[in-house]
Amino acid sequence: MRAIKDVLFGMTVHDMIRGVEHERILLNYMCMLVTIGDMLGLPIAGYYRLKMLPLWVRLMDSWKRYVLSERDIFDRL
Protein backbone atom coordinates (compact mmCIF):
# COMPACT_ATOMS: atom_id res chain seq x y z
CA MET A 1 0.00 0.00 0.00
CA ARG A 2 2.87 2.36 0.78
CA ALA A 3 4.43 1.76 -2.65
CA ILE A 4 1.20 2.68 -4.43
CA LYS A 5 0.90 5.82 -2.35
CA ASP A 6 4.50 6.79 -3.17
CA VAL A 7 3.98 6.16 -6.89
CA LEU A 8 0.83 8.27 -7.04
CA PHE A 9 2.45 11.03 -5.02
CA GLY A 10 5.47 11.01 -7.34
CA MET A 11 3.32 11.08 -10.44
CA THR A 12 1.42 14.15 -9.29
CA VAL A 13 4.38 16.06 -7.88
CA HIS A 14 6.64 15.36 -10.86
CA ASP A 15 4.44 17.43 -13.17
CA MET A 16 4.33 20.33 -10.73
CA ILE A 17 8.10 20.27 -10.28
CA ARG A 18 8.64 20.34 -14.05
CA GLY A 19 6.31 23.33 -14.31
CA VAL A 20 8.15 25.18 -11.57
CA GLU A 21 11.53 24.42 -13.15
CA HIS A 22 10.27 25.68 -16.53
CA GLU A 23 9.05 28.92 -14.92
CA ARG A 24 12.40 29.33 -13.17
CA ILE A 25 14.25 28.97 -16.47
CA LEU A 26 11.97 31.51 -18.16
CA LEU A 27 12.44 34.01 -15.32
CA ASN A 28 16.19 33.46 -15.51
CA TYR A 29 16.16 34.16 -19.24
CA MET A 30 14.03 37.26 -18.70
CA CYS A 31 16.52 38.61 -16.17
CA MET A 32 19.32 37.90 -18.61
CA LEU A 33 17.45 39.81 -21.31
CA VAL A 34 17.13 42.82 -19.02
CA THR A 35 20.77 42.75 -17.95
CA ILE A 36 22.60 41.78 -21.13
CA GLY A 37 19.98 42.46 -23.81
CA ASP A 38 22.37 44.69 -25.71
CA MET A 39 23.94 41.52 -27.14
CA LEU A 40 20.71 41.18 -29.12
CA GLY A 41 20.41 44.84 -30.03
CA LEU A 42 18.25 46.06 -27.15
CA PRO A 43 19.80 49.30 -25.86
CA ILE A 44 19.68 48.73 -22.11
CA ALA A 45 22.12 50.65 -19.96
CA GLY A 46 22.93 50.09 -16.33
CA TYR A 47 25.69 49.71 -13.83
CA TYR A 48 24.38 46.59 -12.14
CA ARG A 49 24.42 44.49 -15.26
CA LEU A 50 28.22 44.59 -15.18
CA LYS A 51 28.11 43.11 -11.71
CA MET A 52 25.78 40.35 -12.93
CA LEU A 53 27.86 39.52 -16.00
CA PRO A 54 30.19 36.96 -14.33
CA LEU A 55 27.16 35.03 -13.10
CA TRP A 56 25.62 34.78 -16.55
CA VAL A 57 28.65 33.92 -18.68
CA ARG A 58 28.13 30.18 -18.42
CA LEU A 59 24.45 30.50 -19.42
CA MET A 60 24.87 32.79 -22.42
CA ASP A 61 25.03 30.12 -25.11
CA SER A 62 21.82 28.40 -24.06
CA TRP A 63 20.14 31.77 -23.50
CA LYS A 64 21.03 33.02 -26.99
CA ARG A 65 19.83 29.76 -28.51
CA TYR A 66 16.50 30.03 -26.65
CA VAL A 67 15.87 33.71 -27.37
CA LEU A 68 16.85 33.59 -31.03
CA SER A 69 15.08 30.32 -31.86
CA GLU A 70 11.99 30.46 -34.03
CA ARG A 71 8.78 29.50 -32.30
CA ASP A 72 5.38 28.63 -33.63
CA ILE A 73 1.99 28.73 -31.95
CA PHE A 74 1.77 24.97 -32.26
CA ASP A 75 4.93 24.42 -30.21
CA ARG A 76 2.98 25.16 -27.04
CA LEU A 77 0.18 22.69 -27.84
PDB file of N, CA and C in Angstrom:
ATOM      1  N   MET A   1       0.820  -1.191   0.000  1.00  0.00           N
ATOM      2  CA  MET A   1       0.000   0.000   0.000  1.00  0.00           C
ATOM      3  C   MET A   1       0.867   1.260   0.000  1.00  0.00           C
ATOM      4  N   ARG A   2       1.964   1.211   0.713  1.00  0.00           N
ATOM      5  CA  ARG A   2       2.869   2.359   0.776  1.00  0.00           C
ATOM      6  C   ARG A   2       3.501   2.647  -0.594  1.00  0.00           C
ATOM      7  N   ALA A   3       3.820   1.590  -1.333  1.00  0.00           N
ATOM      8  CA  ALA A   3       4.431   1.760  -2.650  1.00  0.00           C
ATOM      9  C   ALA A   3       3.459   2.442  -3.618  1.00  0.00           C
ATOM     10  N   ILE A   4       2.197   2.055  -3.558  1.00  0.00           N
ATOM     11  CA  ILE A   4       1.196   2.676  -4.431  1.00  0.00           C
ATOM     12  C   ILE A   4       1.029   4.151  -4.078  1.00  0.00           C
ATOM     13  N   LYS A   5       1.017   4.432  -2.786  1.00  0.00           N
ATOM     14  CA  LYS A   5       0.899   5.822  -2.349  1.00  0.00           C
ATOM     15  C   LYS A   5       2.091   6.643  -2.820  1.00  0.00           C
ATOM     16  N   ASP A   6       3.292   6.083  -2.720  1.00  0.00           N
ATOM     17  CA  ASP A   6       4.495   6.793  -3.173  1.00  0.00           C
ATOM     18  C   ASP A   6       4.486   7.017  -4.682  1.00  0.00           C
ATOM     19  N   VAL A   7       4.027   6.027  -5.435  1.00  0.00           N
ATOM     20  CA  VAL A   7       3.981   6.156  -6.892  1.00  0.00           C
ATOM     21  C   VAL A   7       2.990   7.239  -7.298  1.00  0.00           C
ATOM     22  N   LEU A   8       1.818   7.242  -6.710  1.00  0.00           N
ATOM     23  CA  LEU A   8       0.828   8.266  -7.041  1.00  0.00           C
ATOM     24  C   LEU A   8       1.298   9.652  -6.627  1.00  0.00           C
ATOM     25  N   PHE A   9       1.918   9.746  -5.470  1.00  0.00           N
ATOM     26  CA  PHE A   9       2.446  11.026  -5.024  1.00  0.00           C
ATOM     27  C   PHE A   9       3.533  11.521  -5.976  1.00  0.00           C
ATOM     28  N   GLY A  10       4.413  10.646  -6.405  1.00  0.00           N
ATOM     29  CA  GLY A  10       5.472  11.006  -7.340  1.00  0.00           C
ATOM     30  C   GLY A  10       4.935  11.406  -8.705  1.00  0.00           C
ATOM     31  N   MET A  11       3.895  10.753  -9.133  1.00  0.00           N
ATOM     32  CA  MET A  11       3.321  11.080 -10.438  1.00  0.00           C
ATOM     33  C   MET A  11       2.685  12.465 -10.436  1.00  0.00           C
ATOM     34  N   THR A  12       2.056  12.840  -9.334  1.00  0.00           N
ATOM     35  CA  THR A  12       1.418  14.150  -9.289  1.00  0.00           C
ATOM     36  C   THR A  12       2.430  15.261  -9.050  1.00  0.00           C
ATOM     37  N   VAL A  13       3.397  15.027  -8.225  1.00  0.00           N
ATOM     38  CA  VAL A  13       4.379  16.060  -7.884  1.00  0.00           C
ATOM     39  C   VAL A  13       5.373  16.278  -9.021  1.00  0.00           C
ATOM     40  N   HIS A  14       5.668  15.240  -9.766  1.00  0.00           N
ATOM     41  CA  HIS A  14       6.636  15.362 -10.856  1.00  0.00           C
ATOM     42  C   HIS A  14       6.203  16.425 -11.864  1.00  0.00           C
ATOM     43  N   ASP A  15       4.944  16.449 -12.213  1.00  0.00           N
ATOM     44  CA  ASP A  15       4.439  17.433 -13.171  1.00  0.00           C
ATOM     45  C   ASP A  15       4.543  18.847 -12.612  1.00  0.00           C
ATOM     46  N   MET A  16       4.237  19.007 -11.342  1.00  0.00           N
ATOM     47  CA  MET A  16       4.330  20.333 -10.727  1.00  0.00           C
ATOM     48  C   MET A  16       5.779  20.807 -10.665  1.00  0.00           C
ATOM     49  N   ILE A  17       6.679  19.908 -10.355  1.00  0.00           N
ATOM     50  CA  ILE A  17       8.099  20.271 -10.280  1.00  0.00           C
ATOM     51  C   ILE A  17       8.614  20.677 -11.650  1.00  0.00           C
ATOM     52  N   ARG A  18       8.228  19.950 -12.689  1.00  0.00           N
ATOM     53  CA  ARG A  18       8.641  20.335 -14.046  1.00  0.00           C
ATOM     54  C   ARG A  18       8.108  21.704 -14.423  1.00  0.00           C
ATOM     55  N   GLY A  19       6.881  22.018 -14.041  1.00  0.00           N
ATOM     56  CA  GLY A  19       6.314  23.328 -14.313  1.00  0.00           C
ATOM     57  C   GLY A  19       7.061  24.442 -13.588  1.00  0.00           C
ATOM     58  N   VAL A  20       7.410  24.194 -12.347  1.00  0.00           N
ATOM     59  CA  VAL A  20       8.153  25.183 -11.571  1.00  0.00           C
ATOM     60  C   VAL A  20       9.552  25.382 -12.144  1.00  0.00           C
ATOM     61  N   GLU A  21      10.206  24.304 -12.550  1.00  0.00           N
ATOM     62  CA  GLU A  21      11.528  24.420 -13.154  1.00  0.00           C
ATOM     63  C   GLU A  21      11.462  25.190 -14.467  1.00  0.00           C
ATOM     64  N   HIS A  22      10.428  24.958 -15.258  1.00  0.00           N
ATOM     65  CA  HIS A  22      10.270  25.683 -16.526  1.00  0.00           C
ATOM     66  C   HIS A  22      10.071  27.174 -16.261  1.00  0.00           C
ATOM     67  N   GLU A  23       9.248  27.512 -15.282  1.00  0.00           N
ATOM     68  CA  GLU A  23       9.046  28.915 -14.925  1.00  0.00           C
ATOM     69  C   GLU A  23      10.342  29.551 -14.424  1.00  0.00           C
ATOM     70  N   ARG A  24      11.136  28.805 -13.666  1.00  0.00           N
ATOM     71  CA  ARG A  24      12.403  29.329 -13.171  1.00  0.00           C
ATOM     72  C   ARG A  24      13.352  29.634 -14.326  1.00  0.00           C
ATOM     73  N   ILE A  25      13.389  28.756 -15.305  1.00  0.00           N
ATOM     74  CA  ILE A  25      14.251  28.973 -16.466  1.00  0.00           C
ATOM     75  C   ILE A  25      13.785  30.200 -17.250  1.00  0.00           C
ATOM     76  N   LEU A  26      12.481  30.350 -17.438  1.00  0.00           N
ATOM     77  CA  LEU A  26      11.966  31.513 -18.164  1.00  0.00           C
ATOM     78  C   LEU A  26      12.253  32.814 -17.417  1.00  0.00           C
ATOM     79  N   LEU A  27      12.114  32.815 -16.101  1.00  0.00           N
ATOM     80  CA  LEU A  27      12.441  34.008 -15.319  1.00  0.00           C
ATOM     81  C   LEU A  27      13.928  34.319 -15.389  1.00  0.00           C
ATOM     82  N   ASN A  28      14.747  33.277 -15.388  1.00  0.00           N
ATOM     83  CA  ASN A  28      16.185  33.462 -15.510  1.00  0.00           C
ATOM     84  C   ASN A  28      16.529  34.087 -16.856  1.00  0.00           C
ATOM     85  N   TYR A  29      15.916  33.607 -17.914  1.00  0.00           N
ATOM     86  CA  TYR A  29      16.165  34.163 -19.244  1.00  0.00           C
ATOM     87  C   TYR A  29      15.661  35.596 -19.351  1.00  0.00           C
ATOM     88  N   MET A  30      14.547  35.895 -18.676  1.00  0.00           N
ATOM     89  CA  MET A  30      14.034  37.256 -18.704  1.00  0.00           C
ATOM     90  C   MET A  30      14.992  38.209 -17.992  1.00  0.00           C
ATOM     91  N   CYS A  31      15.539  37.778 -16.872  1.00  0.00           N
ATOM     92  CA  CYS A  31      16.522  38.612 -16.167  1.00  0.00           C
ATOM     93  C   CYS A  31      17.778  38.801 -17.013  1.00  0.00           C
ATOM     94  N   MET A  32      18.174  37.761 -17.730  1.00  0.00           N
ATOM     95  CA  MET A  32      19.325  37.896 -18.607  1.00  0.00           C
ATOM     96  C   MET A  32      19.034  38.885 -19.724  1.00  0.00           C
ATOM     97  N   LEU A  33      17.816  38.878 -20.250  1.00  0.00           N
ATOM     98  CA  LEU A  33      17.447  39.810 -21.305  1.00  0.00           C
ATOM     99  C   LEU A  33      17.518  41.246 -20.806  1.00  0.00           C
ATOM    100  N   VAL A  34      17.099  41.471 -19.581  1.00  0.00           N
ATOM    101  CA  VAL A  34      17.134  42.817 -19.023  1.00  0.00           C
ATOM    102  C   VAL A  34      18.567  43.259 -18.780  1.00  0.00           C
ATOM    103  N   THR A  35      19.410  42.353 -18.309  1.00  0.00           N
ATOM    104  CA  THR A  35      20.772  42.753 -17.945  1.00  0.00           C
ATOM    105  C   THR A  35      21.726  42.784 -19.136  1.00  0.00           C
ATOM    106  N   ILE A  36      21.646  41.821 -20.016  1.00  0.00           N
ATOM    107  CA  ILE A  36      22.603  41.776 -21.131  1.00  0.00           C
ATOM    108  C   ILE A  36      21.889  41.742 -22.473  1.00  0.00           C
ATOM    109  N   GLY A  37      20.764  42.432 -22.575  1.00  0.00           N
ATOM    110  CA  GLY A  37      19.985  42.456 -23.809  1.00  0.00           C
ATOM    111  C   GLY A  37      20.661  43.184 -24.947  1.00  0.00           C
ATOM    112  N   ASP A  38      21.691  43.969 -24.637  1.00  0.00           N
ATOM    113  CA  ASP A  38      22.369  44.689 -25.712  1.00  0.00           C
ATOM    114  C   ASP A  38      23.112  43.753 -26.653  1.00  0.00           C
ATOM    115  N   MET A  39      23.329  42.507 -26.241  1.00  0.00           N
ATOM    116  CA  MET A  39      23.935  41.525 -27.137  1.00  0.00           C
ATOM    117  C   MET A  39      22.999  41.207 -28.298  1.00  0.00           C
ATOM    118  N   LEU A  40      21.704  41.435 -28.086  1.00  0.00           N
ATOM    119  CA  LEU A  40      20.711  41.175 -29.123  1.00  0.00           C
ATOM    120  C   LEU A  40      20.236  42.441 -29.809  1.00  0.00           C
ATOM    121  N   GLY A  41      20.774  43.593 -29.399  1.00  0.00           N
ATOM    122  CA  GLY A  41      20.406  44.840 -30.027  1.00  0.00           C
ATOM    123  C   GLY A  41      19.429  45.669 -29.224  1.00  0.00           C
ATOM    124  N   LEU A  42      19.130  45.267 -28.007  1.00  0.00           N
ATOM    125  CA  LEU A  42      18.254  46.061 -27.150  1.00  0.00           C
ATOM    126  C   LEU A  42      19.110  47.035 -26.353  1.00  0.00           C
ATOM    127  N   PRO A  43      18.937  48.324 -26.550  1.00  0.00           N
ATOM    128  CA  PRO A  43      19.799  49.299 -25.859  1.00  0.00           C
ATOM    129  C   PRO A  43      19.398  49.484 -24.399  1.00  0.00           C
ATOM    130  N   ILE A  44      19.960  48.664 -23.543  1.00  0.00           N
ATOM    131  CA  ILE A  44      19.683  48.729 -22.114  1.00  0.00           C
ATOM    132  C   ILE A  44      20.972  49.112 -21.407  1.00  0.00           C
ATOM    133  N   ALA A  45      20.933  50.198 -20.666  1.00  0.00           N
ATOM    134  CA  ALA A  45      22.124  50.651 -19.959  1.00  0.00           C
ATOM    135  C   ALA A  45      21.917  50.458 -18.462  1.00  0.00           C
ATOM    136  N   GLY A  46      23.015  50.229 -17.776  1.00  0.00           N
ATOM    137  CA  GLY A  46      22.929  50.092 -16.333  1.00  0.00           C
ATOM    138  C   GLY A  46      24.241  49.634 -15.739  1.00  0.00           C
ATOM    139  N   TYR A  47      24.466  50.057 -14.541  1.00  0.00           N
ATOM    140  CA  TYR A  47      25.691  49.714 -13.832  1.00  0.00           C
ATOM    141  C   TYR A  47      25.642  48.291 -13.285  1.00  0.00           C
ATOM    142  N   TYR A  48      24.486  47.870 -12.812  1.00  0.00           N
ATOM    143  CA  TYR A  48      24.378  46.586 -12.137  1.00  0.00           C
ATOM    144  C   TYR A  48      24.503  45.403 -13.080  1.00  0.00           C
ATOM    145  N   ARG A  49      24.272  45.621 -14.337  1.00  0.00           N
ATOM    146  CA  ARG A  49      24.423  44.492 -15.263  1.00  0.00           C
ATOM    147  C   ARG A  49      25.877  44.066 -15.382  1.00  0.00           C
ATOM    148  N   LEU A  50      26.809  44.982 -15.169  1.00  0.00           N
ATOM    149  CA  LEU A  50      28.215  44.595 -15.184  1.00  0.00           C
ATOM    150  C   LEU A  50      28.574  43.740 -13.985  1.00  0.00           C
ATOM    151  N   LYS A  51      27.897  43.963 -12.876  1.00  0.00           N
ATOM    152  CA  LYS A  51      28.113  43.111 -11.712  1.00  0.00           C
ATOM    153  C   LYS A  51      27.519  41.725 -11.923  1.00  0.00           C
ATOM    154  N   MET A  52      26.438  41.635 -12.687  1.00  0.00           N
ATOM    155  CA  MET A  52      25.784  40.352 -12.929  1.00  0.00           C
ATOM    156  C   MET A  52      26.466  39.540 -14.029  1.00  0.00           C
ATOM    157  N   LEU A  53      27.259  40.181 -14.841  1.00  0.00           N
ATOM    158  CA  LEU A  53      27.862  39.516 -16.002  1.00  0.00           C
ATOM    159  C   LEU A  53      28.638  38.247 -15.657  1.00  0.00           C
ATOM    160  N   PRO A  54      29.479  38.221 -14.626  1.00  0.00           N
ATOM    161  CA  PRO A  54      30.190  36.960 -14.335  1.00  0.00           C
ATOM    162  C   PRO A  54      29.264  35.803 -13.975  1.00  0.00           C
ATOM    163  N   LEU A  55      28.099  36.091 -13.468  1.00  0.00           N
ATOM    164  CA  LEU A  55      27.164  35.030 -13.100  1.00  0.00           C
ATOM    165  C   LEU A  55      26.459  34.433 -14.315  1.00  0.00           C
ATOM    166  N   TRP A  56      26.395  35.194 -15.391  1.00  0.00           N
ATOM    167  CA  TRP A  56      25.616  34.778 -16.554  1.00  0.00           C
ATOM    168  C   TRP A  56      26.465  34.243 -17.694  1.00  0.00           C
ATOM    169  N   VAL A  57      27.784  34.319 -17.566  1.00  0.00           N
ATOM    170  CA  VAL A  57      28.651  33.921 -18.682  1.00  0.00           C
ATOM    171  C   VAL A  57      28.426  32.464 -19.065  1.00  0.00           C
ATOM    172  N   ARG A  58      28.279  31.598 -18.091  1.00  0.00           N
ATOM    173  CA  ARG A  58      28.129  30.175 -18.421  1.00  0.00           C
ATOM    174  C   ARG A  58      26.766  29.847 -19.014  1.00  0.00           C
ATOM    175  N   LEU A  59      25.799  30.741 -18.892  1.00  0.00           N
ATOM    176  CA  LEU A  59      24.455  30.495 -19.423  1.00  0.00           C
ATOM    177  C   LEU A  59      24.188  31.192 -20.752  1.00  0.00           C
ATOM    178  N   MET A  60      25.129  31.964 -21.240  1.00  0.00           N
ATOM    179  CA  MET A  60      24.867  32.789 -22.423  1.00  0.00           C
ATOM    180  C   MET A  60      24.573  31.987 -23.682  1.00  0.00           C
ATOM    181  N   ASP A  61      25.260  30.895 -23.892  1.00  0.00           N
ATOM    182  CA  ASP A  61      25.030  30.120 -25.114  1.00  0.00           C
ATOM    183  C   ASP A  61      23.611  29.555 -25.159  1.00  0.00           C
ATOM    184  N   SER A  62      23.170  28.953 -24.065  1.00  0.00           N
ATOM    185  CA  SER A  62      21.818  28.398 -24.059  1.00  0.00           C
ATOM    186  C   SER A  62      20.769  29.505 -24.106  1.00  0.00           C
ATOM    187  N   TRP A  63      21.071  30.645 -23.474  1.00  0.00           N
ATOM    188  CA  TRP A  63      20.137  31.771 -23.500  1.00  0.00           C
ATOM    189  C   TRP A  63      19.982  32.324 -24.915  1.00  0.00           C
ATOM    190  N   LYS A  64      21.094  32.518 -25.607  1.00  0.00           N
ATOM    191  CA  LYS A  64      21.027  33.017 -26.987  1.00  0.00           C
ATOM    192  C   LYS A  64      20.260  32.051 -27.882  1.00  0.00           C
ATOM    193  N   ARG A  65      20.517  30.756 -27.705  1.00  0.00           N
ATOM    194  CA  ARG A  65      19.828  29.756 -28.511  1.00  0.00           C
ATOM    195  C   ARG A  65      18.319  29.791 -28.244  1.00  0.00           C
ATOM    196  N   TYR A  66      17.929  29.979 -26.979  1.00  0.00           N
ATOM    197  CA  TYR A  66      16.505  30.028 -26.647  1.00  0.00           C
ATOM    198  C   TYR A  66      15.851  31.299 -27.182  1.00  0.00           C
ATOM    199  N   VAL A  67      16.478  32.438 -26.987  1.00  0.00           N
ATOM    200  CA  VAL A  67      15.874  33.715 -27.375  1.00  0.00           C
ATOM    201  C   VAL A  67      15.801  33.860 -28.882  1.00  0.00           C
ATOM    202  N   LEU A  68      16.800  33.398 -29.593  1.00  0.00           N
ATOM    203  CA  LEU A  68      16.850  33.587 -31.034  1.00  0.00           C
ATOM    204  C   LEU A  68      16.196  32.453 -31.833  1.00  0.00           C
ATOM    205  N   SER A  69      15.705  31.428 -31.133  1.00  0.00           N
ATOM    206  CA  SER A  69      15.076  30.322 -31.863  1.00  0.00           C
ATOM    207  C   SER A  69      13.692  30.727 -32.347  1.00  0.00           C
ATOM    208  N   GLU A  70      13.308  30.178 -33.479  1.00  0.00           N
ATOM    209  CA  GLU A  70      11.994  30.464 -34.030  1.00  0.00           C
ATOM    210  C   GLU A  70      10.966  29.608 -33.301  1.00  0.00           C
ATOM    211  N   ARG A  71       9.848  30.223 -32.967  1.00  0.00           N
ATOM    212  CA  ARG A  71       8.782  29.500 -32.298  1.00  0.00           C
ATOM    213  C   ARG A  71       7.499  29.653 -33.090  1.00  0.00           C
ATOM    214  N   ASP A  72       6.677  28.635 -32.964  1.00  0.00           N
ATOM    215  CA  ASP A  72       5.381  28.627 -33.629  1.00  0.00           C
ATOM    216  C   ASP A  72       4.299  28.465 -32.563  1.00  0.00           C
ATOM    217  N   ILE A  73       3.094  28.853 -32.898  1.00  0.00           N
ATOM    218  CA  ILE A  73       1.992  28.735 -31.947  1.00  0.00           C
ATOM    219  C   ILE A  73       1.728  27.281 -31.594  1.00  0.00           C
ATOM    220  N   PHE A  74       2.034  26.377 -32.496  1.00  0.00           N
ATOM    221  CA  PHE A  74       1.768  24.971 -32.261  1.00  0.00           C
ATOM    222  C   PHE A  74       2.820  24.301 -31.397  1.00  0.00           C
ATOM    223  N   ASP A  75       3.922  24.983 -31.103  1.00  0.00           N
ATOM    224  CA  ASP A  75       4.927  24.420 -30.211  1.00  0.00           C
ATOM    225  C   ASP A  75       4.407  24.294 -28.784  1.00  0.00           C
ATOM    226  N   ARG A  76       3.513  25.180 -28.392  1.00  0.00           N
ATOM    227  CA  ARG A  76       2.976  25.163 -27.035  1.00  0.00           C
ATOM    228  C   ARG A  76       1.862  24.142 -26.853  1.00  0.00           C
ATOM    229  N   LEU A  77       1.300  23.640 -27.938  1.00  0.00           N
ATOM    230  CA  LEU A  77       0.184  22.692 -27.838  1.00  0.00           C
ATOM    231  C   LEU A  77       0.636  21.302 -27.595  1.00  0.00           C
TER     232      LEU A  77
END
